């Protein structure tokens, strides 16, 4: 399978060509439950994660939510 280069949280990474965003998260070992994703400088709604296919040069910021408090 061919790989494409994308930028994830400022770091260049290679991922398999044709993955959806959800598949990319699984490939990277990132649980999808408590993250938000900025995709090419726009917030990507969770409802589009299964429809959005990764393209060469895409940029992602993946933010993990952390629970806590008192």
C-alpha atoms as a PDB file:
ATOM      1  CA  UNK A   1       0.000   0.000   0.000  1.00  0.00           C
ATOM      2  CA  UNK A   2       1.321   3.463  -0.856  1.00  0.00           C
ATOM      3  CA  UNK A   3       1.955   6.020   1.842  1.00  0.00           C
ATOM      4  CA  UNK A   4       1.312   9.752   1.897  1.00  0.00           C
ATOM      5  CA  UNK A   5       2.944  12.418   4.028  1.00  0.00           C
ATOM      6  CA  UNK A   6       0.714  14.488   6.284  1.00  0.00           C
ATOM      7  CA  UNK A   7       1.436  16.829   9.179  1.00  0.00           C
ATOM      8  CA  UNK A   8       0.019  15.827  12.555  1.00  0.00           C
ATOM      9  CA  UNK A   9       0.452  18.289  15.438  1.00  0.00           C
ATOM     10  CA  UNK A  10       3.326  19.960  13.585  1.00  0.00           C
ATOM     11  CA  UNK A  11       5.180  16.705  12.810  1.00  0.00           C
ATOM     12  CA  UNK A  12       5.467  15.116   9.351  1.00  0.00           C
ATOM     13  CA  UNK A  13       4.173  11.546   9.367  1.00  0.00           C
ATOM     14  CA  UNK A  14       3.599   8.924   6.714  1.00  0.00           C
ATOM     15  CA  UNK A  15       0.259   7.136   6.711  1.00  0.00           C
ATOM     16  CA  UNK A  16      -1.216   4.649   4.228  1.00  0.00           C
ATOM     17  CA  UNK A  17      -2.932   6.191   1.209  1.00  0.00           C
ATOM     18  CA  UNK A  18      -6.727   6.096   1.219  1.00  0.00           C
ATOM     19  CA  UNK A  19      -7.360   6.075   4.969  1.00  0.00           C
ATOM     20  CA  UNK A  20     -10.302   7.931   6.440  1.00  0.00           C
ATOM     21  CA  UNK A  21      -9.677  10.156   9.439  1.00  0.00           C
ATOM     22  CA  UNK A  22     -11.145   7.470  11.751  1.00  0.00           C
ATOM     23  CA  UNK A  23      -8.861   4.848  10.207  1.00  0.00           C
ATOM     24  CA  UNK A  24      -5.869   7.165  10.610  1.00  0.00           C
ATOM     25  CA  UNK A  25      -6.630   7.591  14.316  1.00  0.00           C
ATOM     26  CA  UNK A  26      -6.769   3.808  14.722  1.00  0.00           C
ATOM     27  CA  UNK A  27      -3.512   3.404  12.768  1.00  0.00           C
ATOM     28  CA  UNK A  28      -1.835   5.924  15.090  1.00  0.00           C
ATOM     29  CA  UNK A  29      -3.269   4.254  18.213  1.00  0.00           C
ATOM     30  CA  UNK A  30      -5.277   7.331  19.206  1.00  0.00           C
ATOM     31  CA  UNK A  31      -8.642   6.568  20.860  1.00  0.00           C
ATOM     32  CA  UNK A  32     -11.279   8.609  19.034  1.00  0.00           C
ATOM     33  CA  UNK A  33     -13.553   9.059  22.033  1.00  0.00           C
ATOM     34  CA  UNK A  34     -12.081  12.194  23.548  1.00  0.00           C
ATOM     35  CA  UNK A  35     -10.357  14.087  20.747  1.00  0.00           C
ATOM     36  CA  UNK A  36     -11.144  17.041  18.522  1.00  0.00           C
ATOM     37  CA  UNK A  37      -9.575  17.397  15.094  1.00  0.00           C
ATOM     38  CA  UNK A  38      -8.605  20.456  13.144  1.00  0.00           C
ATOM     39  CA  UNK A  39      -8.237  19.492   9.478  1.00  0.00           C
ATOM     40  CA  UNK A  40      -6.448  21.940   7.198  1.00  0.00           C
ATOM     41  CA  UNK A  41      -7.203  24.782   9.624  1.00  0.00           C
ATOM     42  CA  UNK A  42     -10.918  23.985  10.028  1.00  0.00           C
ATOM     43  CA  UNK A  43     -12.619  21.990  12.780  1.00  0.00           C
ATOM     44  CA  UNK A  44     -13.652  18.635  11.325  1.00  0.00           C
ATOM     45  CA  UNK A  45     -17.018  17.502  12.725  1.00  0.00           C
ATOM     46  CA  UNK A  46     -16.966  13.952  14.098  1.00  0.00           C
ATOM     47  CA  UNK A  47     -19.829  13.112  11.700  1.00  0.00           C
ATOM     48  CA  UNK A  48     -17.383  13.542   8.776  1.00  0.00           C
ATOM     49  CA  UNK A  49     -14.478  11.452  10.150  1.00  0.00           C
ATOM     50  CA  UNK A  50     -15.649   8.318   8.291  1.00  0.00           C
ATOM     51  CA  UNK A  51     -16.164  10.222   5.017  1.00  0.00           C
ATOM     52  CA  UNK A  52     -12.981  12.313   4.933  1.00  0.00           C
ATOM     53  CA  UNK A  53     -10.117  10.568   3.129  1.00  0.00           C
ATOM     54  CA  UNK A  54      -6.541  11.625   3.823  1.00  0.00           C
ATOM     55  CA  UNK A  55      -4.745  13.424   1.001  1.00  0.00           C
ATOM     56  CA  UNK A  56      -1.028  14.169   0.587  1.00  0.00           C
ATOM     57  CA  UNK A  57      -0.060  17.323   2.475  1.00  0.00           C
ATOM     58  CA  UNK A  58      -3.114  17.400   4.751  1.00  0.00           C
ATOM     59  CA  UNK A  59      -2.530  19.073   8.108  1.00  0.00           C
ATOM     60  CA  UNK A  60      -4.105  17.852  11.340  1.00  0.00           C
ATOM     61  CA  UNK A  61      -4.118  19.171  14.864  1.00  0.00           C
ATOM     62  CA  UNK A  62      -5.429  16.495  17.202  1.00  0.00           C
ATOM     63  CA  UNK A  63      -6.419  17.690  20.662  1.00  0.00           C
ATOM     64  CA  UNK A  64      -6.991  15.207  23.495  1.00  0.00           C
ATOM     65  CA  UNK A  65      -9.550  16.166  26.129  1.00  0.00           C
ATOM     66  CA  UNK A  66      -8.534  15.358  29.682  1.00  0.00           C
ATOM     67  CA  UNK A  67     -11.067  14.987  32.458  1.00  0.00           C
ATOM     68  CA  UNK A  68     -10.454  16.138  35.968  1.00  0.00           C
ATOM     69  CA  UNK A  69     -11.344  18.760  38.438  1.00  0.00           C
ATOM     70  CA  UNK A  70     -12.683  18.609  41.936  1.00  0.00           C
END
